Amino acid sequence: MRARRPASPYARHLARTRGVVLEEVTGSGPGGRVVARDIPEGGADAQPSEAAQPKLAAAAAPRFVILRRVLDQAPDSGTEIAPLVAAIAPGHTISVTDLRGAGLDGVDPVPAEGVDAALGLAGREGRVSLTLSVDTRRLALEDGSHLLTRLVAALKD
């Protein structure tokens, strides 16, 4: 199994949409991480490499989209997240992975089959990272974005 090339989420998105194979790009970020400025522009006549063709077809309709927000002031660690999510998103099935006490910077959950989205919480040093992985076959991206915005607002109160 080949290790995944270190790249920012936005650089991965640009690479998919521009038909660039990340393994062919030299990263200029920390530790050689590929960042957005490393992805070539392409152009109207640019053709994706043969290796990128299958990836482009899959990228046309991503199944999972990851949305992130960071709260600089962590809510009380005793705040129950699952009931709050259920109240904010009635009619949707959203799994919650709460790792706020684990000392992690972030967590990227994957929705199980039959789940609309998966919410991951992690944090340390007074900050909390919220990551919502949306299954776009079950929940519109805009709805996921609104849900995450409402959740952040509720946690700030």
N, C-alpha and C. Protein backbone atom coordinates (compact mmCIF):
# COMPACT_ATOMS: atom_id res chain seq x y z
N MET A 1 0.83 -1.17 0.00
CA MET A 1 0.00 0.00 0.00
C MET A 1 0.88 1.24 0.00
N ARG A 2 0.55 2.18 -0.85
CA ARG A 2 1.34 3.39 -1.00
C ARG A 2 0.86 4.46 -0.03
N ALA A 3 1.82 5.18 0.58
CA ALA A 3 1.46 6.26 1.49
C ALA A 3 0.87 7.42 0.71
N ARG A 4 -0.10 8.08 1.32
CA ARG A 4 -0.74 9.23 0.68
C ARG A 4 0.19 10.43 0.74
N ARG A 5 0.27 11.17 -0.34
CA ARG A 5 1.13 12.34 -0.42
C ARG A 5 0.62 13.42 0.54
N PRO A 6 1.49 13.99 1.40
CA PRO A 6 1.03 15.05 2.29
C PRO A 6 0.59 16.27 1.48
N ALA A 7 -0.66 16.68 1.66
CA ALA A 7 -1.20 17.83 0.92
C ALA A 7 -2.35 18.43 1.70
N SER A 8 -2.52 19.74 1.55
CA SER A 8 -3.65 20.40 2.20
C SER A 8 -4.94 19.97 1.50
N PRO A 9 -6.08 20.01 2.21
CA PRO A 9 -7.35 19.65 1.58
C PRO A 9 -7.64 20.49 0.34
N TYR A 10 -7.33 21.79 0.40
CA TYR A 10 -7.60 22.64 -0.76
C TYR A 10 -6.69 22.27 -1.93
N ALA A 11 -5.43 21.93 -1.65
CA ALA A 11 -4.53 21.51 -2.72
C ALA A 11 -5.03 20.22 -3.37
N ARG A 12 -5.56 19.29 -2.56
CA ARG A 12 -6.14 18.06 -3.11
C ARG A 12 -7.31 18.38 -4.03
N HIS A 13 -8.17 19.32 -3.58
CA HIS A 13 -9.31 19.74 -4.39
C HIS A 13 -8.84 20.34 -5.72
N LEU A 14 -7.87 21.24 -5.66
CA LEU A 14 -7.35 21.87 -6.89
C LEU A 14 -6.75 20.82 -7.82
N ALA A 15 -6.01 19.88 -7.24
CA ALA A 15 -5.38 18.84 -8.06
C ALA A 15 -6.45 18.02 -8.78
N ARG A 16 -7.52 17.65 -8.06
CA ARG A 16 -8.60 16.88 -8.70
C ARG A 16 -9.25 17.66 -9.82
N THR A 17 -9.60 18.92 -9.56
CA THR A 17 -10.31 19.70 -10.57
C THR A 17 -9.43 20.10 -11.74
N ARG A 18 -8.12 20.19 -11.52
CA ARG A 18 -7.21 20.57 -12.61
C ARG A 18 -6.55 19.37 -13.28
N GLY A 19 -6.86 18.18 -12.77
CA GLY A 19 -6.31 16.97 -13.39
C GLY A 19 -4.85 16.76 -13.10
N VAL A 20 -4.39 17.19 -11.95
CA VAL A 20 -2.98 17.07 -11.57
C VAL A 20 -2.83 15.88 -10.62
N VAL A 21 -1.83 15.06 -10.85
CA VAL A 21 -1.52 13.94 -9.97
C VAL A 21 -0.60 14.44 -8.88
N LEU A 22 -1.03 14.37 -7.63
CA LEU A 22 -0.26 14.91 -6.52
C LEU A 22 1.14 14.31 -6.42
N GLU A 23 1.28 13.03 -6.76
CA GLU A 23 2.58 12.39 -6.68
C GLU A 23 3.60 13.01 -7.63
N GLU A 24 3.12 13.78 -8.62
CA GLU A 24 4.01 14.42 -9.59
C GLU A 24 4.36 15.86 -9.20
N VAL A 25 3.86 16.32 -8.05
CA VAL A 25 4.06 17.71 -7.63
C VAL A 25 5.03 17.74 -6.46
N THR A 26 5.96 18.70 -6.50
CA THR A 26 6.87 18.92 -5.40
C THR A 26 6.25 19.92 -4.44
N GLY A 27 6.10 19.53 -3.20
CA GLY A 27 5.46 20.39 -2.21
C GLY A 27 6.40 21.42 -1.64
N SER A 28 5.89 22.64 -1.44
CA SER A 28 6.71 23.72 -0.87
C SER A 28 6.29 24.04 0.56
N GLY A 29 5.32 23.32 1.09
CA GLY A 29 4.86 23.55 2.46
C GLY A 29 5.75 22.86 3.47
N PRO A 30 5.39 22.98 4.74
CA PRO A 30 6.18 22.34 5.81
C PRO A 30 6.32 20.84 5.58
N GLY A 31 7.53 20.35 5.67
CA GLY A 31 7.78 18.92 5.49
C GLY A 31 7.50 18.43 4.08
N GLY A 32 7.51 19.32 3.09
CA GLY A 32 7.26 18.93 1.71
C GLY A 32 5.78 18.78 1.38
N ARG A 33 4.91 19.29 2.26
CA ARG A 33 3.46 19.20 2.02
C ARG A 33 3.08 20.02 0.80
N VAL A 34 2.23 19.43 -0.04
CA VAL A 34 1.73 20.13 -1.22
C VAL A 34 0.65 21.12 -0.77
N VAL A 35 0.82 22.38 -1.15
CA VAL A 35 -0.16 23.42 -0.84
C VAL A 35 -0.70 23.99 -2.14
N ALA A 36 -1.72 24.80 -2.06
CA ALA A 36 -2.42 25.30 -3.25
C ALA A 36 -1.48 25.94 -4.27
N ARG A 37 -0.50 26.71 -3.81
CA ARG A 37 0.38 27.41 -4.76
C ARG A 37 1.25 26.44 -5.58
N ASP A 38 1.35 25.17 -5.13
CA ASP A 38 2.15 24.18 -5.84
C ASP A 38 1.40 23.55 -7.01
N ILE A 39 0.09 23.68 -7.05
CA ILE A 39 -0.72 23.04 -8.10
C ILE A 39 -0.72 23.93 -9.33
N PRO A 40 -0.23 23.43 -10.47
CA PRO A 40 -0.17 24.25 -11.68
C PRO A 40 -1.57 24.67 -12.13
N GLU A 41 -1.63 25.85 -12.73
CA GLU A 41 -2.89 26.41 -13.20
C GLU A 41 -3.53 25.57 -14.30
N GLY A 42 -2.73 25.04 -15.17
CA GLY A 42 -3.32 24.32 -16.31
C GLY A 42 -3.61 25.32 -17.41
N GLY A 43 -4.85 25.46 -17.76
CA GLY A 43 -5.24 26.38 -18.81
C GLY A 43 -6.29 25.75 -19.69
N ALA A 44 -6.81 26.51 -20.62
CA ALA A 44 -7.89 26.02 -21.48
C ALA A 44 -7.47 24.82 -22.30
N ASP A 45 -6.18 24.79 -22.74
CA ASP A 45 -5.73 23.68 -23.59
C ASP A 45 -5.00 22.60 -22.80
N ALA A 46 -4.89 22.76 -21.49
CA ALA A 46 -4.18 21.77 -20.67
C ALA A 46 -4.99 20.48 -20.60
N GLN A 47 -4.30 19.38 -20.75
CA GLN A 47 -4.93 18.07 -20.67
C GLN A 47 -4.40 17.35 -19.44
N PRO A 48 -5.29 16.74 -18.67
CA PRO A 48 -4.83 15.98 -17.51
C PRO A 48 -4.00 14.78 -17.94
N SER A 49 -3.07 14.39 -17.09
CA SER A 49 -2.27 13.22 -17.40
C SER A 49 -3.14 11.98 -17.44
N GLU A 50 -2.66 10.92 -18.08
CA GLU A 50 -3.43 9.68 -18.16
C GLU A 50 -3.71 9.11 -16.78
N ALA A 51 -2.74 9.27 -15.87
CA ALA A 51 -2.94 8.75 -14.51
C ALA A 51 -4.06 9.49 -13.79
N ALA A 52 -4.30 10.75 -14.18
CA ALA A 52 -5.32 11.55 -13.50
C ALA A 52 -6.72 11.30 -14.04
N GLN A 53 -6.85 10.70 -15.22
CA GLN A 53 -8.18 10.51 -15.83
C GLN A 53 -9.17 9.79 -14.92
N PRO A 54 -8.83 8.62 -14.33
CA PRO A 54 -9.80 7.97 -13.45
C PRO A 54 -10.10 8.80 -12.21
N LYS A 55 -9.09 9.50 -11.70
CA LYS A 55 -9.30 10.33 -10.52
C LYS A 55 -10.23 11.49 -10.83
N LEU A 56 -10.11 12.06 -12.04
CA LEU A 56 -10.99 13.15 -12.43
C LEU A 56 -12.44 12.69 -12.52
N ALA A 57 -12.66 11.51 -13.06
CA ALA A 57 -14.03 11.00 -13.17
C ALA A 57 -14.63 10.82 -11.78
N ALA A 58 -13.85 10.32 -10.85
CA ALA A 58 -14.36 10.14 -9.49
C ALA A 58 -14.55 11.48 -8.79
N ALA A 59 -13.71 12.46 -9.12
CA ALA A 59 -13.80 13.76 -8.47
C ALA A 59 -14.99 14.56 -8.94
N ALA A 60 -15.57 14.20 -10.06
CA ALA A 60 -16.70 14.96 -10.58
C ALA A 60 -17.86 14.96 -9.60
N ALA A 61 -18.03 13.91 -8.86
CA ALA A 61 -19.10 13.83 -7.87
C ALA A 61 -18.56 13.22 -6.59
N PRO A 62 -17.94 14.05 -5.74
CA PRO A 62 -17.37 13.49 -4.52
C PRO A 62 -18.46 12.93 -3.61
N ARG A 63 -18.17 11.81 -3.01
CA ARG A 63 -19.15 11.21 -2.11
C ARG A 63 -19.12 11.90 -0.75
N PHE A 64 -17.93 12.16 -0.25
CA PHE A 64 -17.80 12.79 1.06
C PHE A 64 -17.14 14.15 0.90
N VAL A 65 -17.69 15.13 1.60
CA VAL A 65 -17.10 16.46 1.64
C VAL A 65 -16.86 16.79 3.10
N ILE A 66 -15.69 17.29 3.39
CA ILE A 66 -15.32 17.60 4.76
C ILE A 66 -15.39 19.10 4.99
N LEU A 67 -16.11 19.48 6.03
CA LEU A 67 -16.24 20.88 6.44
C LEU A 67 -15.62 21.01 7.83
N ARG A 68 -14.86 22.09 8.03
CA ARG A 68 -14.19 22.27 9.33
C ARG A 68 -14.44 23.67 9.87
N ARG A 69 -14.53 23.74 11.18
CA ARG A 69 -14.58 25.01 11.89
C ARG A 69 -13.75 24.82 13.16
N VAL A 70 -13.12 25.90 13.61
CA VAL A 70 -12.34 25.86 14.84
C VAL A 70 -12.89 26.93 15.77
N LEU A 71 -13.16 26.53 17.00
CA LEU A 71 -13.58 27.47 18.04
C LEU A 71 -12.36 27.81 18.88
N ASP A 72 -12.06 29.09 19.00
CA ASP A 72 -10.90 29.50 19.80
C ASP A 72 -11.16 29.33 21.28
N GLN A 73 -12.42 29.35 21.66
CA GLN A 73 -12.76 29.14 23.06
C GLN A 73 -13.60 27.88 23.15
N ALA A 74 -13.05 26.87 23.77
CA ALA A 74 -13.72 25.58 23.84
C ALA A 74 -14.97 25.66 24.72
N PRO A 75 -16.05 25.01 24.27
CA PRO A 75 -17.23 24.92 25.14
C PRO A 75 -16.92 24.01 26.33
N ASP A 76 -17.73 24.10 27.33
CA ASP A 76 -17.56 23.27 28.52
C ASP A 76 -17.43 21.81 28.08
N SER A 77 -16.43 21.11 28.63
CA SER A 77 -16.18 19.72 28.22
C SER A 77 -17.35 18.80 28.56
N GLY A 78 -18.23 19.24 29.45
CA GLY A 78 -19.39 18.44 29.79
C GLY A 78 -20.57 18.65 28.86
N THR A 79 -20.43 19.56 27.90
CA THR A 79 -21.51 19.84 26.96
C THR A 79 -21.82 18.59 26.15
N GLU A 80 -23.05 18.14 26.21
CA GLU A 80 -23.48 16.96 25.44
C GLU A 80 -23.71 17.38 24.00
N ILE A 81 -22.95 16.82 23.09
CA ILE A 81 -23.01 17.21 21.69
C ILE A 81 -24.12 16.50 20.93
N ALA A 82 -24.28 15.19 21.15
CA ALA A 82 -25.27 14.42 20.37
C ALA A 82 -26.68 14.99 20.49
N PRO A 83 -27.18 15.32 21.70
CA PRO A 83 -28.53 15.89 21.78
C PRO A 83 -28.62 17.26 21.08
N LEU A 84 -27.54 18.02 21.15
CA LEU A 84 -27.51 19.32 20.48
C LEU A 84 -27.60 19.14 18.97
N VAL A 85 -26.84 18.18 18.44
CA VAL A 85 -26.88 17.89 16.99
C VAL A 85 -28.28 17.42 16.59
N ALA A 86 -28.87 16.56 17.40
CA ALA A 86 -30.22 16.05 17.10
C ALA A 86 -31.24 17.18 17.07
N ALA A 87 -31.08 18.15 17.96
CA ALA A 87 -32.00 19.29 18.00
C ALA A 87 -31.80 20.22 16.81
N ILE A 88 -30.56 20.37 16.38
CA ILE A 88 -30.25 21.28 15.27
C ILE A 88 -30.59 20.65 13.92
N ALA A 89 -30.48 19.32 13.81
CA ALA A 89 -30.67 18.64 12.53
C ALA A 89 -31.73 17.55 12.64
N PRO A 90 -32.98 17.92 12.98
CA PRO A 90 -34.01 16.88 13.06
C PRO A 90 -34.24 16.23 11.70
N GLY A 91 -34.45 14.94 11.71
CA GLY A 91 -34.69 14.23 10.46
C GLY A 91 -33.43 13.75 9.77
N HIS A 92 -32.27 14.09 10.31
CA HIS A 92 -31.00 13.64 9.73
C HIS A 92 -30.30 12.72 10.72
N THR A 93 -29.57 11.77 10.17
CA THR A 93 -28.80 10.85 10.99
C THR A 93 -27.35 11.30 10.95
N ILE A 94 -26.85 11.75 12.10
CA ILE A 94 -25.48 12.26 12.17
C ILE A 94 -24.78 11.58 13.34
N SER A 95 -23.70 10.87 13.04
CA SER A 95 -22.93 10.23 14.10
C SER A 95 -21.97 11.26 14.70
N VAL A 96 -21.65 11.08 15.97
CA VAL A 96 -20.78 12.03 16.67
C VAL A 96 -19.62 11.26 17.29
N THR A 97 -18.39 11.74 17.02
CA THR A 97 -17.19 11.22 17.66
C THR A 97 -16.59 12.37 18.45
N ASP A 98 -16.68 12.29 19.76
CA ASP A 98 -16.22 13.38 20.63
C ASP A 98 -14.90 12.98 21.28
N LEU A 99 -13.81 13.54 20.79
CA LEU A 99 -12.47 13.25 21.32
C LEU A 99 -11.85 14.50 21.94
N ARG A 100 -12.68 15.35 22.52
CA ARG A 100 -12.18 16.60 23.09
C ARG A 100 -11.14 16.38 24.18
N GLY A 101 -11.24 15.30 24.92
CA GLY A 101 -10.30 15.07 26.01
C GLY A 101 -9.05 14.31 25.61
N ALA A 102 -8.91 13.98 24.33
CA ALA A 102 -7.78 13.14 23.89
C ALA A 102 -6.53 13.92 23.52
N GLY A 103 -6.59 15.25 23.54
CA GLY A 103 -5.42 16.06 23.22
C GLY A 103 -5.05 16.07 21.75
N LEU A 104 -6.03 15.86 20.88
CA LEU A 104 -5.79 15.86 19.43
C LEU A 104 -6.16 17.21 18.83
N ASP A 105 -5.53 17.56 17.72
CA ASP A 105 -5.87 18.80 17.02
C ASP A 105 -7.12 18.65 16.18
N GLY A 106 -7.40 17.44 15.70
CA GLY A 106 -8.57 17.24 14.85
C GLY A 106 -8.84 15.77 14.63
N VAL A 107 -10.03 15.49 14.13
CA VAL A 107 -10.42 14.12 13.81
C VAL A 107 -11.29 14.19 12.55
N ASP A 108 -11.07 13.27 11.62
CA ASP A 108 -11.82 13.23 10.37
C ASP A 108 -12.68 11.97 10.34
N PRO A 109 -13.91 12.07 10.84
CA PRO A 109 -14.78 10.88 10.84
C PRO A 109 -15.33 10.60 9.46
N VAL A 110 -15.70 9.36 9.22
CA VAL A 110 -16.31 8.97 7.94
C VAL A 110 -17.71 8.44 8.26
N PRO A 111 -18.73 8.98 7.58
CA PRO A 111 -20.09 8.49 7.84
C PRO A 111 -20.22 7.01 7.46
N ALA A 112 -20.83 6.25 8.35
CA ALA A 112 -21.11 4.85 8.05
C ALA A 112 -22.24 4.78 7.03
N GLU A 113 -22.43 3.62 6.44
CA GLU A 113 -23.52 3.44 5.48
C GLU A 113 -24.84 3.74 6.19
N GLY A 114 -25.70 4.52 5.54
CA GLY A 114 -26.99 4.87 6.11
C GLY A 114 -26.97 6.09 7.01
N VAL A 115 -25.80 6.74 7.15
CA VAL A 115 -25.67 7.93 7.98
C VAL A 115 -25.44 9.13 7.07
N ASP A 116 -26.15 10.23 7.35
CA ASP A 116 -26.07 11.42 6.50
C ASP A 116 -24.72 12.14 6.61
N ALA A 117 -24.19 12.19 7.82
CA ALA A 117 -22.93 12.89 8.06
C ALA A 117 -22.32 12.38 9.36
N ALA A 118 -21.04 12.66 9.52
CA ALA A 118 -20.33 12.29 10.76
C ALA A 118 -19.64 13.54 11.28
N LEU A 119 -19.83 13.80 12.56
CA LEU A 119 -19.24 14.96 13.21
C LEU A 119 -18.13 14.50 14.13
N GLY A 120 -16.97 15.11 13.99
CA GLY A 120 -15.85 14.80 14.88
C GLY A 120 -15.44 16.04 15.64
N LEU A 121 -15.22 15.89 16.93
CA LEU A 121 -14.76 16.98 17.76
C LEU A 121 -13.45 16.58 18.41
N ALA A 122 -12.50 17.50 18.38
CA ALA A 122 -11.21 17.27 19.03
C ALA A 122 -10.69 18.63 19.46
N GLY A 123 -9.76 18.62 20.35
CA GLY A 123 -9.21 19.91 20.74
C GLY A 123 -8.21 19.80 21.86
N ARG A 124 -7.48 20.87 22.00
CA ARG A 124 -6.53 21.01 23.10
C ARG A 124 -6.18 22.49 23.22
N GLU A 125 -5.61 22.81 24.36
CA GLU A 125 -5.18 24.18 24.64
C GLU A 125 -6.29 25.19 24.44
N GLY A 126 -7.51 24.84 24.87
CA GLY A 126 -8.62 25.78 24.82
C GLY A 126 -9.30 25.94 23.48
N ARG A 127 -8.90 25.18 22.48
CA ARG A 127 -9.52 25.27 21.16
C ARG A 127 -10.21 23.96 20.85
N VAL A 128 -11.26 24.05 20.05
CA VAL A 128 -11.98 22.85 19.62
C VAL A 128 -12.12 22.89 18.11
N SER A 129 -11.80 21.77 17.48
CA SER A 129 -11.95 21.61 16.04
C SER A 129 -13.20 20.77 15.78
N LEU A 130 -14.09 21.27 14.94
CA LEU A 130 -15.28 20.53 14.55
C LEU A 130 -15.13 20.16 13.08
N THR A 131 -15.26 18.88 12.78
CA THR A 131 -15.15 18.40 11.41
C THR A 131 -16.42 17.65 11.07
N LEU A 132 -17.10 18.11 10.02
CA LEU A 132 -18.32 17.45 9.58
C LEU A 132 -18.05 16.81 8.22
N SER A 133 -18.10 15.49 8.16
CA SER A 133 -17.95 14.77 6.90
C SER A 133 -19.35 14.48 6.38
N VAL A 134 -19.69 15.07 5.25
CA VAL A 134 -21.03 14.98 4.68
C VAL A 134 -21.05 13.94 3.57
N ASP A 135 -21.99 13.00 3.64
CA ASP A 135 -22.22 12.05 2.55
C ASP A 135 -23.15 12.76 1.58
N THR A 136 -22.60 13.23 0.47
CA THR A 136 -23.36 14.06 -0.46
C THR A 136 -24.47 13.30 -1.18
N ARG A 137 -24.48 11.97 -1.05
CA ARG A 137 -25.59 11.21 -1.61
C ARG A 137 -26.82 11.31 -0.72
N ARG A 138 -26.61 11.69 0.55
CA ARG A 138 -27.70 11.69 1.53
C ARG A 138 -28.05 13.08 2.05
N LEU A 139 -27.10 14.00 2.02
CA LEU A 139 -27.29 15.33 2.58
C LEU A 139 -26.64 16.35 1.66
N ALA A 140 -27.38 17.39 1.28
CA ALA A 140 -26.83 18.44 0.41
C ALA A 140 -25.70 19.16 1.14
N LEU A 141 -24.67 19.52 0.39
CA LEU A 141 -23.52 20.20 0.97
C LEU A 141 -23.94 21.49 1.67
N GLU A 142 -24.86 22.23 1.07
CA GLU A 142 -25.33 23.48 1.67
C GLU A 142 -25.99 23.21 3.02
N ASP A 143 -26.77 22.13 3.10
CA ASP A 143 -27.41 21.77 4.37
C ASP A 143 -26.37 21.41 5.42
N GLY A 144 -25.32 20.71 5.02
CA GLY A 144 -24.25 20.37 5.95
C GLY A 144 -23.54 21.61 6.45
N SER A 145 -23.31 22.56 5.56
CA SER A 145 -22.66 23.81 5.94
C SER A 145 -23.52 24.60 6.92
N HIS A 146 -24.83 24.68 6.64
CA HIS A 146 -25.74 25.38 7.56
C HIS A 146 -25.79 24.69 8.91
N LEU A 147 -25.80 23.37 8.89
CA LEU A 147 -25.83 22.60 10.13
C LEU A 147 -24.60 22.91 10.98
N LEU A 148 -23.43 22.90 10.35
CA LEU A 148 -22.19 23.17 11.09
C LEU A 148 -22.18 24.60 11.62
N THR A 149 -22.67 25.54 10.84
CA THR A 149 -22.73 26.94 11.28
C THR A 149 -23.66 27.08 12.49
N ARG A 150 -24.82 26.42 12.45
CA ARG A 150 -25.75 26.47 13.58
C ARG A 150 -25.15 25.81 14.83
N LEU A 151 -24.42 24.72 14.62
CA LEU A 151 -23.80 24.03 15.75
C LEU A 151 -22.74 24.90 16.40
N VAL A 152 -21.91 25.57 15.59
CA VAL A 152 -20.89 26.45 16.13
C VAL A 152 -21.54 27.58 16.92
N ALA A 153 -22.61 28.16 16.37
CA ALA A 153 -23.30 29.24 17.07
C ALA A 153 -23.87 28.74 18.40
N ALA A 154 -24.44 27.55 18.42
CA ALA A 154 -25.01 26.99 19.65
C ALA A 154 -23.91 26.71 20.68
N LEU A 155 -22.75 26.28 20.25
CA LEU A 155 -21.66 25.98 21.17
C LEU A 155 -21.03 27.26 21.74
N LYS A 156 -21.12 28.35 21.00
CA LYS A 156 -20.57 29.61 21.47
C LYS A 156 -21.46 30.22 22.55
N ASP A 157 -22.75 29.88 22.53
CA ASP A 157 -23.70 30.45 23.52
C ASP A 157 -23.50 29.88 24.89
